[in-house]
């Protein structure tokens, strides 16, 4: 399995931006569909965004469409989440996840991902 380490979280004011990164070890990063999930206190983990192995297909939760952008750099074994126009309700621990997939598939369900990072806290103040 691939090991994942998130970074880039922090405290930001509403309307601000953050970029999360997820570094993967190993030489098989391009074999995985990747995703971002988040979990707020007292709530279940929820899907945020997903991307296919080559980066050509992406999907987003309705709550972040038009504000967040998922991307990946397979040469650097790194996944990104650019978050703009942040809202207080975006406050959560953000996790990246990896799951074996066919070339043009991205996943939206947590059960399709076999590897998870430890999470990075994002706090948006009003």
Foldseek 3Di string as FASTA:
>chain_A
DKAKAKDWADEEAAQAKTKMKIAIDDLCLLQWKKFKWWDDPPGDIFGAKIAFSVRPDMDGDPVQPPFWDWGDDSVRRMIMIIGGRDDQVVWTWMKMFIAGDPGGDIDGDPVRTDYIYPTDTHGYHD
